[in-house]
């Protein structure tokens, strides 16, 4: 019983990497300097029919429900360039907008330079391969770790 109450006070951060037409996520929390990876029923969520507004609404609702179910308080998205060789695609930006418009959730974009700076001062305590996460989740994990490690994150 005490453990459940303890869990309710944990702030869960969801790191998100948008690749193509899907989000890849990682749920991470930090308490007393210790990080904990939360299990998640599904870590890849593709958006089908991105040109259909009803499909986009259902996608947004599904993500909002997932955030509610796991008590996510903050979503951090790995920012993608809008132009150039590594620019994100239009579907990815639709997904990003759908995430940013979910009410009741703090959504932040982290530029790669900000992430690198945070990781320089707060290196990961273990190699990614030792986290038990799937290889494709590394970007989402890294962004969540950086968000929880930034100096303003600890109050």
Protein backbone atom coordinates (compact mmCIF):
# COMPACT_ATOMS: atom_id res chain seq x y z
CA UNK A 1 0.00 0.00 0.00
CA UNK A 2 2.76 2.48 0.89
CA UNK A 3 4.47 1.75 -2.42
CA UNK A 4 1.38 2.79 -4.37
CA UNK A 5 1.17 6.09 -2.49
CA UNK A 6 4.90 6.59 -3.12
CA UNK A 7 4.41 6.00 -6.85
CA UNK A 8 1.61 8.58 -7.03
CA UNK A 9 4.04 11.34 -6.07
CA UNK A 10 6.58 10.41 -8.72
CA UNK A 11 6.77 12.86 -11.62
CA UNK A 12 6.91 10.86 -14.82
CA UNK A 13 8.58 12.44 -17.83
CA UNK A 14 7.94 11.06 -21.29
CA UNK A 15 10.82 11.43 -23.72
CA UNK A 16 9.69 11.37 -27.33
CA UNK A 17 11.54 11.01 -30.57
CA UNK A 18 9.48 11.48 -33.72
CA UNK A 19 10.67 9.35 -36.62
CA UNK A 20 8.76 9.51 -39.85
CA UNK A 21 5.09 9.09 -38.97
CA UNK A 22 5.47 7.58 -35.51
CA UNK A 23 6.43 8.54 -31.98
CA UNK A 24 8.89 6.49 -29.99
CA UNK A 25 8.65 7.05 -26.28
CA UNK A 26 10.35 6.32 -23.00
CA UNK A 27 8.84 6.93 -19.56
CA UNK A 28 11.37 8.03 -16.96
CA UNK A 29 11.18 9.38 -13.44
CA UNK A 30 13.71 10.71 -10.96
CA UNK A 31 13.52 10.83 -7.20
CA UNK A 32 16.33 11.45 -4.73
CA UNK A 33 18.82 11.42 -7.59
CA UNK A 34 17.76 7.95 -8.78
CA UNK A 35 16.27 7.38 -12.21
CA UNK A 36 13.61 4.78 -12.85
CA UNK A 37 12.40 3.57 -16.23
CA UNK A 38 8.66 2.94 -16.15
CA UNK A 39 7.16 0.08 -18.12
CA UNK A 40 4.89 1.15 -20.94
CA UNK A 41 2.36 -1.01 -22.77
CA UNK A 42 3.44 0.28 -26.16
CA UNK A 43 6.49 2.40 -26.98
CA UNK A 44 5.89 2.97 -30.71
CA UNK A 45 2.79 4.73 -31.94
CA UNK A 46 2.41 5.22 -35.70
CA UNK A 47 0.01 7.80 -37.12
CA UNK A 48 -2.05 6.24 -39.90
CA UNK A 49 -3.83 8.54 -42.38
CA UNK A 50 -2.07 11.79 -41.36
CA UNK A 51 -4.15 13.80 -43.85
CA UNK A 52 -7.44 12.81 -42.17
CA UNK A 53 -8.37 15.21 -39.35
CA UNK A 54 -10.43 12.56 -37.54
CA UNK A 55 -7.46 10.20 -37.60
CA UNK A 56 -5.26 12.95 -36.13
CA UNK A 57 -7.84 13.66 -33.38
CA UNK A 58 -7.98 9.95 -32.45
CA UNK A 59 -4.18 9.81 -32.39
CA UNK A 60 -4.02 12.82 -30.09
CA UNK A 61 -6.71 11.33 -27.82
CA UNK A 62 -4.83 8.00 -27.66
CA UNK A 63 -1.62 9.77 -26.60
CA UNK A 64 -3.47 11.90 -24.04
CA UNK A 65 -5.02 8.75 -22.57
CA UNK A 66 -1.61 7.08 -22.39
CA UNK A 67 -0.19 10.12 -20.55
CA UNK A 68 -3.14 10.05 -18.11
CA UNK A 69 -2.82 6.29 -17.52
CA UNK A 70 0.88 6.59 -16.69
CA UNK A 71 0.53 9.90 -14.81
CA UNK A 72 2.90 11.70 -17.17
CA UNK A 73 3.35 15.32 -16.11
CA UNK A 74 5.88 16.41 -18.71
CA UNK A 75 6.54 15.48 -22.32
CA UNK A 76 9.88 16.31 -23.88
CA UNK A 77 10.24 16.06 -27.64
CA UNK A 78 13.54 15.87 -29.45
CA UNK A 79 13.43 18.94 -31.68
CA UNK A 80 14.02 18.38 -35.38
CA UNK A 81 15.29 20.94 -37.87
CA UNK A 82 12.66 22.50 -40.12
CA UNK A 83 15.03 22.75 -43.10
CA UNK A 84 18.22 21.24 -44.35
CA UNK A 85 19.53 17.73 -44.80
CA UNK A 86 18.12 16.36 -41.54
CA UNK A 87 14.82 18.24 -41.60
CA UNK A 88 11.75 16.57 -40.13
CA UNK A 89 8.89 15.62 -42.41
CA UNK A 90 5.47 17.21 -42.52
CA UNK A 91 3.76 14.27 -40.78
CA UNK A 92 6.25 14.53 -37.91
CA UNK A 93 5.39 18.18 -37.44
CA UNK A 94 1.67 17.33 -37.39
CA UNK A 95 2.41 14.81 -34.63
CA UNK A 96 4.46 17.42 -32.78
CA UNK A 97 1.59 19.93 -32.96
CA UNK A 98 -0.92 17.31 -31.77
CA UNK A 99 1.32 16.63 -28.76
CA UNK A 100 1.82 20.32 -27.99
CA UNK A 101 -1.94 20.91 -28.01
CA UNK A 102 -2.78 18.26 -25.40
CA UNK A 103 -4.22 20.13 -22.44
CA UNK A 104 -2.92 19.53 -18.94
CA UNK A 105 0.53 18.31 -20.02
CA UNK A 106 3.69 20.39 -20.10
CA UNK A 107 5.33 19.85 -23.50
CA UNK A 108 8.86 21.04 -24.20
CA UNK A 109 11.09 20.81 -27.24
CA UNK A 110 14.77 20.09 -26.63
CA UNK A 111 17.28 21.09 -29.29
CA UNK A 112 20.21 18.69 -29.71
CA UNK A 113 22.68 21.37 -28.55
CA UNK A 114 20.74 21.80 -25.28
CA UNK A 115 20.68 18.03 -24.78
CA UNK A 116 24.44 17.78 -25.44
CA UNK A 117 25.17 20.57 -22.97
CA UNK A 118 23.08 18.92 -20.23
CA UNK A 119 24.70 15.52 -20.88
CA UNK A 120 28.14 17.09 -20.74
CA UNK A 121 27.47 18.25 -17.16
CA UNK A 122 25.38 15.19 -16.20
CA UNK A 123 26.67 12.12 -18.06
CA UNK A 124 24.50 9.02 -18.05
CA UNK A 125 25.42 6.82 -15.09
CA UNK A 126 25.18 3.60 -17.13
CA UNK A 127 25.59 2.74 -20.81
CA UNK A 128 22.30 2.77 -22.74
CA UNK A 129 22.57 -0.95 -23.54
CA UNK A 130 22.35 -1.69 -19.79
CA UNK A 131 18.95 0.03 -19.44
CA UNK A 132 17.01 -2.93 -20.81
CA UNK A 133 15.28 -0.71 -23.36
CA UNK A 134 15.09 -1.51 -27.07
CA UNK A 135 17.78 0.06 -29.28
CA UNK A 136 15.23 2.21 -31.16
CA UNK A 137 14.28 3.90 -27.83
CA UNK A 138 17.72 5.41 -27.26
CA UNK A 139 16.75 8.86 -28.58
CA UNK A 140 13.59 8.98 -26.45
CA UNK A 141 15.49 7.80 -23.36
CA UNK A 142 18.29 10.33 -23.89
CA UNK A 143 15.87 13.24 -24.21
CA UNK A 144 13.95 12.17 -21.06
CA UNK A 145 17.21 11.75 -19.14
CA UNK A 146 18.42 15.19 -20.26
CA UNK A 147 15.11 16.79 -19.27
CA UNK A 148 15.28 15.27 -15.79
CA UNK A 149 18.95 16.19 -15.46
CA UNK A 150 18.71 19.84 -16.43
CA UNK A 151 19.50 22.13 -13.49
CA UNK A 152 16.00 23.61 -13.26
CA UNK A 153 14.36 20.16 -13.19
CA UNK A 154 15.18 19.60 -9.50
CA UNK A 155 13.14 21.80 -7.24
